[in-house]
Amino acid sequence: MSKKLAVAILNWNGKSWLEKFLPSVVQFSQEADIYVIDNLSTDNSIEFLQTQFPTVNIIRNDKNYGFAGGYNEGLKEIKNEFYCLLNSDVEVTENWIGSVLNLFEKDSSISAIQPKILSFNNKNYFEFAGAGGGLIDNLGYPYCRGRVFDDLEEDKGQYDDETEIFWASGCCFFIRSKDFWEQQGFDERFFAHQEEIDLCWRLINSGKKIFYTGKSKVYHVGGGTLNKQSAQKTYLNIRNNLSMMLKNLPFPKLIGLIFFRLCLDGIASFYFAYKNGISHLWAVARGHFGFYAQLPETIKRRQKYQKSEYYQTRWLIFRHFLGKKK
């Protein structure tokens, strides 16, 4: 008989991550069925799981669908009431599940929840991907409580609360399965990066809530697939962020904001090139071309209703870089 929760770990040639972090998941997830969804790995991940973790369920995708498509494909075979989509480079802790399930049961309008996400390599600090819960500014720039752009806060208990947020991190993403499928899952065109923000935005537009709980805690390595300096990551973030805004913003704000963002991205490309290499300048351009190529399909995927007041902070990029607000 299935348990209420399924912990689903997407894997692509991540045997070393599974070897390091799956033991903590097995040890501290007695309330859950555990699955590994494999994106056609070639590093003997499957054989390793079968030998070392015979109680873990394995779902084999027929190719590497990326993060978004990989989960969409694999989760079709998982029938539990709740999913936890967990990166393979995450160390979970004792009692990491209970407070999340309690929050779901307390409020049926909550669709997705993330725990406190700290850095595995510097455990007193928040981790880039999610930190103390995701927010977004009026220009469409995602940030977190505990992380603004590349600046990370030390964890001093300032985010030990339970509160509504705008987006939950894909590195440890709890969601009601019915809500996931009502939204048709992740947008597979994103492949990876910001697909969870897009999904949360769609859920909010449909009247649902996204929450954070500091009563649950995990440690994330980050950059297990694409590191922060990857030009491919820059390309995906630029393309997907623009597509996400076009899908989810109300029309009165949309046209001017997209144009303004395209201009800001052009300026940012020189900063990326200076900081991380010339390949990042071309990655921004490719991101724009990729956005244009997806334009007709993105317009088709716009929902009937878009929430107009979605942000907590205005002009984040100017306040951070010019106003020195950290």
Protein backbone atom coordinates (compact mmCIF):
# COMPACT_ATOMS: atom_id res chain seq x y z
CA MET A 1 0.00 0.00 0.00
CA SER A 2 1.37 3.42 -1.01
CA LYS A 3 2.19 6.01 1.62
CA LYS A 4 0.88 9.56 1.34
CA LEU A 5 4.23 10.93 0.19
CA ALA A 6 6.59 9.86 -2.57
CA VAL A 7 10.14 11.21 -2.51
CA ALA A 8 11.27 11.28 -6.15
CA ILE A 9 14.94 11.84 -6.98
CA LEU A 10 15.78 12.60 -10.61
CA ASN A 11 19.10 11.09 -11.65
CA TRP A 12 21.32 11.46 -14.69
CA ASN A 13 24.80 9.99 -14.27
CA GLY A 14 24.70 10.93 -10.61
CA LYS A 15 25.87 7.70 -9.04
CA SER A 16 28.37 9.53 -6.82
CA TRP A 17 25.63 11.84 -5.50
CA LEU A 18 23.32 8.89 -4.80
CA GLU A 19 26.11 7.08 -3.02
CA LYS A 20 26.73 10.10 -0.80
CA PHE A 21 23.23 11.39 -0.07
CA LEU A 22 20.69 8.61 -0.62
CA PRO A 23 21.53 7.00 2.77
CA SER A 24 20.19 10.07 4.62
CA VAL A 25 17.00 9.98 2.52
CA VAL A 26 16.42 6.30 3.31
CA GLN A 27 17.23 6.80 7.00
CA PHE A 28 14.96 9.80 7.59
CA SER A 29 12.05 9.14 5.20
CA GLN A 30 10.08 6.38 6.86
CA GLU A 31 6.83 8.25 6.06
CA ALA A 32 7.51 8.08 2.32
CA ASP A 33 7.94 5.77 -0.64
CA ILE A 34 11.31 6.50 -2.26
CA TYR A 35 11.79 6.57 -6.03
CA VAL A 36 14.73 7.30 -8.30
CA ILE A 37 13.71 8.48 -11.77
CA ASP A 38 16.64 7.79 -14.08
CA ASN A 39 17.17 9.86 -17.25
CA LEU A 40 18.97 7.05 -19.13
CA SER A 41 22.22 7.21 -17.15
CA THR A 42 25.37 5.54 -18.45
CA ASP A 43 27.36 5.44 -15.20
CA ASN A 44 25.93 2.22 -13.71
CA SER A 45 23.55 4.16 -11.47
CA ILE A 46 20.83 1.54 -11.94
CA GLU A 47 23.07 -1.39 -11.04
CA PHE A 48 24.33 0.50 -7.99
CA LEU A 49 20.78 1.16 -6.77
CA GLN A 50 19.68 -2.41 -7.34
CA THR A 51 22.63 -3.74 -5.34
CA GLN A 52 22.95 -1.18 -2.55
CA PHE A 53 19.36 0.11 -2.15
CA PRO A 54 16.96 -2.71 -3.04
CA THR A 55 14.04 -0.98 -1.25
CA VAL A 56 14.25 2.09 -3.49
CA ASN A 57 11.88 2.04 -6.46
CA ILE A 58 13.46 2.71 -9.87
CA ILE A 59 11.71 4.35 -12.82
CA ARG A 60 13.64 4.31 -16.08
CA ASN A 61 13.06 7.06 -18.63
CA ASP A 62 13.92 6.17 -22.21
CA LYS A 63 16.14 9.25 -22.72
CA ASN A 64 17.50 12.30 -20.89
CA TYR A 65 14.47 14.58 -20.75
CA GLY A 66 16.19 17.19 -18.58
CA PHE A 67 14.83 18.28 -15.21
CA ALA A 68 11.36 19.40 -16.32
CA GLY A 69 10.63 16.62 -18.78
CA GLY A 70 12.36 13.99 -16.68
CA TYR A 71 10.04 14.60 -13.76
CA ASN A 72 6.96 14.91 -15.97
CA GLU A 73 7.74 11.55 -17.54
CA GLY A 74 8.73 9.71 -14.38
CA LEU A 75 5.97 11.02 -12.10
CA LYS A 76 3.33 9.53 -14.40
CA GLU A 77 4.11 6.22 -12.71
CA ILE A 78 3.85 7.53 -9.12
CA LYS A 79 0.35 7.66 -7.60
CA ASN A 80 0.95 9.05 -4.11
CA GLU A 81 -1.07 12.03 -2.82
CA PHE A 82 2.03 14.21 -2.36
CA TYR A 83 5.33 14.39 -4.21
CA CYS A 84 8.69 15.59 -2.92
CA LEU A 85 10.97 16.31 -5.87
CA LEU A 86 14.43 16.07 -4.36
CA ASN A 87 17.79 16.76 -5.99
CA SER A 88 20.33 13.96 -5.72
CA ASP A 89 22.85 16.33 -4.08
CA VAL A 90 20.67 17.05 -1.02
CA GLU A 91 21.28 15.76 2.51
CA VAL A 92 18.03 15.54 4.46
CA THR A 93 17.71 15.66 8.24
CA GLU A 94 15.69 13.95 10.93
CA ASN A 95 11.99 14.97 10.93
CA TRP A 96 12.30 16.82 7.61
CA ILE A 97 8.96 15.47 6.34
CA GLY A 98 6.51 15.71 9.26
CA SER A 99 6.17 19.49 9.45
CA VAL A 100 5.61 19.70 5.70
CA LEU A 101 2.78 17.16 5.73
CA ASN A 102 1.23 18.90 8.75
CA LEU A 103 1.18 22.16 6.81
CA PHE A 104 -0.49 20.52 3.81
CA GLU A 105 -3.15 19.00 6.06
CA LYS A 106 -3.74 22.31 7.86
CA ASP A 107 -4.60 24.26 4.69
CA SER A 108 -5.99 22.61 1.55
CA SER A 109 -5.24 25.74 -0.53
CA ILE A 110 -1.48 25.19 -0.14
CA SER A 111 -0.16 23.52 -3.28
CA ALA A 112 3.61 23.52 -2.82
CA ILE A 113 6.04 23.81 0.11
CA GLN A 114 9.79 24.08 0.51
CA PRO A 115 11.92 23.60 3.65
CA LYS A 116 14.82 25.72 4.85
CA ILE A 117 17.68 25.08 2.41
CA LEU A 118 21.20 25.50 3.77
CA SER A 119 24.57 25.01 2.10
CA PHE A 120 26.07 21.56 2.48
CA ASN A 121 29.57 23.00 2.11
CA ASN A 122 29.01 25.86 4.58
CA LYS A 123 26.25 24.69 6.86
CA ASN A 124 25.80 27.93 8.77
CA TYR A 125 24.76 29.74 5.58
CA PHE A 126 21.78 29.56 3.27
CA GLU A 127 22.13 27.91 -0.11
CA PHE A 128 21.66 29.69 -3.42
CA ALA A 129 18.77 27.56 -4.72
CA GLY A 130 15.87 28.40 -2.45
CA ALA A 131 17.36 29.51 0.89
CA GLY A 132 14.49 30.73 3.11
CA GLY A 133 11.81 30.73 0.40
CA GLY A 134 11.57 32.21 -3.09
CA LEU A 135 10.23 35.67 -4.01
CA ILE A 136 10.26 37.80 -7.17
CA ASP A 137 10.45 41.50 -7.93
CA ASN A 138 8.38 43.63 -10.31
CA LEU A 139 10.95 43.13 -13.10
CA GLY A 140 10.71 39.34 -12.87
CA TYR A 141 14.02 38.77 -11.05
CA PRO A 142 13.78 35.80 -8.66
CA TYR A 143 15.46 36.02 -5.27
CA CYS A 144 15.10 34.39 -1.86
CA ARG A 145 14.85 35.24 1.77
CA GLY A 146 18.47 34.63 2.70
CA ARG A 147 19.85 35.08 -0.85
CA VAL A 148 19.77 38.09 -3.16
CA PHE A 149 21.66 37.49 -6.42
CA ASP A 150 25.00 36.02 -5.19
CA ASP A 151 24.87 37.38 -1.62
CA LEU A 152 24.02 34.74 1.01
CA GLU A 153 22.99 35.29 4.62
CA GLU A 154 24.16 33.37 7.65
CA ASP A 155 21.39 31.33 9.25
CA LYS A 156 20.68 32.88 12.64
CA GLY A 157 17.13 31.63 12.95
CA GLN A 158 15.71 34.64 11.11
CA TYR A 159 13.71 32.36 8.77
CA ASP A 160 12.51 29.70 11.21
CA ASP A 161 8.92 30.70 10.48
CA GLU A 162 6.14 29.26 8.33
CA THR A 163 5.00 31.76 5.73
CA GLU A 164 3.57 32.19 2.27
CA ILE A 165 6.18 32.70 -0.47
CA PHE A 166 6.09 33.12 -4.25
CA TRP A 167 8.07 30.09 -5.37
CA ALA A 168 9.44 26.91 -3.82
CA SER A 169 12.87 25.63 -4.80
CA GLY A 170 13.07 22.71 -7.21
CA CYS A 171 15.94 21.21 -5.22
CA CYS A 172 13.44 20.15 -2.51
CA PHE A 173 9.94 20.74 -3.85
CA PHE A 174 6.88 19.31 -2.08
CA ILE A 175 3.63 19.47 -4.07
CA ARG A 176 0.16 17.94 -4.10
CA SER A 177 0.12 15.49 -7.01
CA LYS A 178 -3.35 16.58 -8.16
CA ASP A 179 -2.20 20.20 -8.39
CA PHE A 180 0.94 19.19 -10.28
CA TRP A 181 -1.12 17.40 -12.91
CA GLU A 182 -3.89 20.00 -13.05
CA GLN A 183 -1.16 22.39 -14.22
CA GLN A 184 0.18 19.69 -16.60
CA GLY A 185 3.41 19.56 -14.63
CA PHE A 186 6.52 21.51 -15.54
CA ASP A 187 6.88 23.29 -18.86
CA GLU A 188 9.13 20.78 -20.62
CA ARG A 189 10.42 23.43 -23.03
CA PHE A 190 12.37 24.94 -20.12
CA PHE A 191 14.50 21.74 -19.90
CA ALA A 192 16.08 23.01 -16.65
CA HIS A 193 16.15 26.18 -14.49
CA GLN A 194 13.19 28.29 -13.34
CA GLU A 195 10.63 25.65 -14.30
CA GLU A 196 9.60 25.45 -10.65
CA ILE A 197 9.09 29.24 -10.50
CA ASP A 198 6.91 29.06 -13.60
CA LEU A 199 4.86 26.22 -12.07
CA CYS A 200 4.42 28.11 -8.79
CA TRP A 201 3.38 31.24 -10.70
CA ARG A 202 0.73 29.23 -12.57
CA LEU A 203 -0.51 27.76 -9.29
CA ILE A 204 -0.78 31.24 -7.75
CA ASN A 205 -2.64 32.50 -10.83
CA SER A 206 -5.12 29.64 -10.30
CA GLY A 207 -5.75 30.71 -6.69
CA LYS A 208 -3.36 28.35 -4.83
CA LYS A 209 -0.72 29.15 -2.21
CA ILE A 210 3.01 28.38 -2.01
CA PHE A 211 4.53 28.03 1.46
CA TYR A 212 7.83 27.77 3.29
CA THR A 213 8.48 26.03 6.60
CA GLY A 214 11.61 26.62 8.65
CA LYS A 215 10.68 23.61 10.80
CA SER A 216 12.11 21.36 8.08
CA LYS A 217 15.77 21.62 7.06
CA VAL A 218 17.94 20.17 4.29
CA TYR A 219 21.51 20.78 3.04
CA HIS A 220 22.13 21.28 -0.68
CA VAL A 221 25.46 21.10 -2.51
CA GLY A 222 24.24 22.96 -5.61
CA GLY A 223 25.67 22.96 -9.12
CA GLY A 224 25.57 19.16 -9.33
CA THR A 225 24.51 19.28 -12.99
CA LEU A 226 25.37 22.79 -14.17
CA ASN A 227 27.56 24.99 -12.00
CA LYS A 228 26.84 28.68 -11.47
CA GLN A 229 29.55 29.70 -13.96
CA SER A 230 28.10 27.60 -16.80
CA ALA A 231 27.25 29.54 -19.97
CA GLN A 232 24.52 27.00 -20.66
CA LYS A 233 22.95 27.87 -17.31
CA THR A 234 23.04 31.57 -18.23
CA TYR A 235 21.33 30.77 -21.53
CA LEU A 236 18.59 28.70 -19.88
CA ASN A 237 17.97 31.26 -17.13
CA ILE A 238 17.63 34.16 -19.61
CA ARG A 239 15.38 32.27 -22.05
CA ASN A 240 13.20 30.66 -19.40
CA ASN A 241 12.77 33.81 -17.33
CA LEU A 242 11.49 35.77 -20.33
CA SER A 243 9.14 32.94 -21.34
CA MET A 244 7.90 32.64 -17.77
CA MET A 245 7.01 36.35 -17.63
CA LEU A 246 5.22 36.21 -20.98
CA LYS A 247 3.16 33.25 -19.78
CA ASN A 248 2.19 34.61 -16.40
CA LEU A 249 2.10 38.43 -16.36
CA PRO A 250 -1.11 40.40 -17.07
CA PHE A 251 -1.09 42.14 -20.46
CA PRO A 252 -1.19 45.76 -19.19
CA LYS A 253 2.25 45.28 -17.60
CA LEU A 254 3.66 42.82 -20.07
CA ILE A 255 4.83 44.58 -23.23
CA GLY A 256 6.78 47.41 -21.62
CA LEU A 257 8.30 45.12 -19.01
CA ILE A 258 9.52 42.54 -21.55
CA PHE A 259 11.14 45.29 -23.63
CA PHE A 260 12.78 46.80 -20.53
CA ARG A 261 14.10 43.39 -19.48
CA LEU A 262 15.55 42.75 -22.93
CA CYS A 263 17.48 46.03 -22.58
CA LEU A 264 18.65 45.17 -19.05
CA ASP A 265 19.75 41.72 -20.23
CA GLY A 266 21.88 43.37 -22.91
CA ILE A 267 23.64 45.46 -20.26
CA ALA A 268 23.95 42.44 -17.96
CA SER A 269 25.60 40.39 -20.72
CA PHE A 270 28.74 42.56 -20.48
CA TYR A 271 28.80 42.08 -16.71
CA PHE A 272 28.48 38.30 -17.17
CA ALA A 273 31.25 38.35 -19.78
CA TYR A 274 33.54 40.33 -17.46
CA LYS A 275 32.80 38.09 -14.48
CA ASN A 276 32.55 34.62 -16.06
CA GLY A 277 33.95 34.84 -19.61
CA ILE A 278 32.98 35.96 -23.10
CA SER A 279 30.85 32.83 -23.66
CA HIS A 280 28.26 34.32 -21.31
CA LEU A 281 27.73 37.34 -23.57
CA TRP A 282 26.80 34.98 -26.39
CA ALA A 283 24.68 32.93 -23.93
CA VAL A 284 22.50 35.99 -23.24
CA ALA A 285 22.02 36.55 -26.98
CA ARG A 286 21.13 32.88 -27.45
CA GLY A 287 18.68 33.19 -24.57
CA HIS A 288 16.89 36.01 -26.39
CA PHE A 289 16.82 34.11 -29.69
CA GLY A 290 15.51 31.05 -27.83
CA PHE A 291 12.75 33.18 -26.29
CA TYR A 292 11.74 34.50 -29.74
CA ALA A 293 11.72 30.97 -31.16
CA GLN A 294 9.32 29.84 -28.43
CA LEU A 295 7.12 32.93 -28.69
CA PRO A 296 4.08 31.46 -30.52
CA GLU A 297 3.86 28.43 -28.22
CA THR A 298 4.45 30.56 -25.11
CA ILE A 299 1.53 32.82 -26.05
CA LYS A 300 -0.67 29.73 -26.50
CA ARG A 301 0.22 28.60 -22.98
CA ARG A 302 -0.90 31.81 -21.29
CA GLN A 303 -3.63 31.16 -18.74
CA LYS A 304 -6.97 32.99 -18.74
CA TYR A 305 -6.14 34.81 -15.49
CA GLN A 306 -2.90 36.46 -14.39
CA LYS A 307 -2.44 37.90 -10.92
CA SER A 308 -1.31 41.53 -11.10
CA GLU A 309 0.26 41.95 -7.63
CA TYR A 310 2.77 39.13 -7.41
CA TYR A 311 5.92 40.78 -6.01
CA GLN A 312 7.12 41.85 -2.56
CA THR A 313 10.08 43.96 -3.70
CA ARG A 314 10.32 46.54 -6.47
CA TRP A 315 13.40 47.30 -8.60
CA LEU A 316 15.55 44.67 -6.91
CA ILE A 317 18.46 44.92 -9.34
CA PHE A 318 18.83 48.69 -8.84
CA ARG A 319 18.41 48.53 -5.07
CA HIS A 320 20.98 45.75 -4.83
CA PHE A 321 23.72 46.92 -7.21
CA LEU A 322 23.25 50.71 -7.06
CA GLY A 323 21.69 51.12 -3.62
CA LYS A 324 23.97 48.48 -2.05
CA LYS A 325 21.01 46.78 -0.34
CA LYS A 326 22.30 43.32 0.56
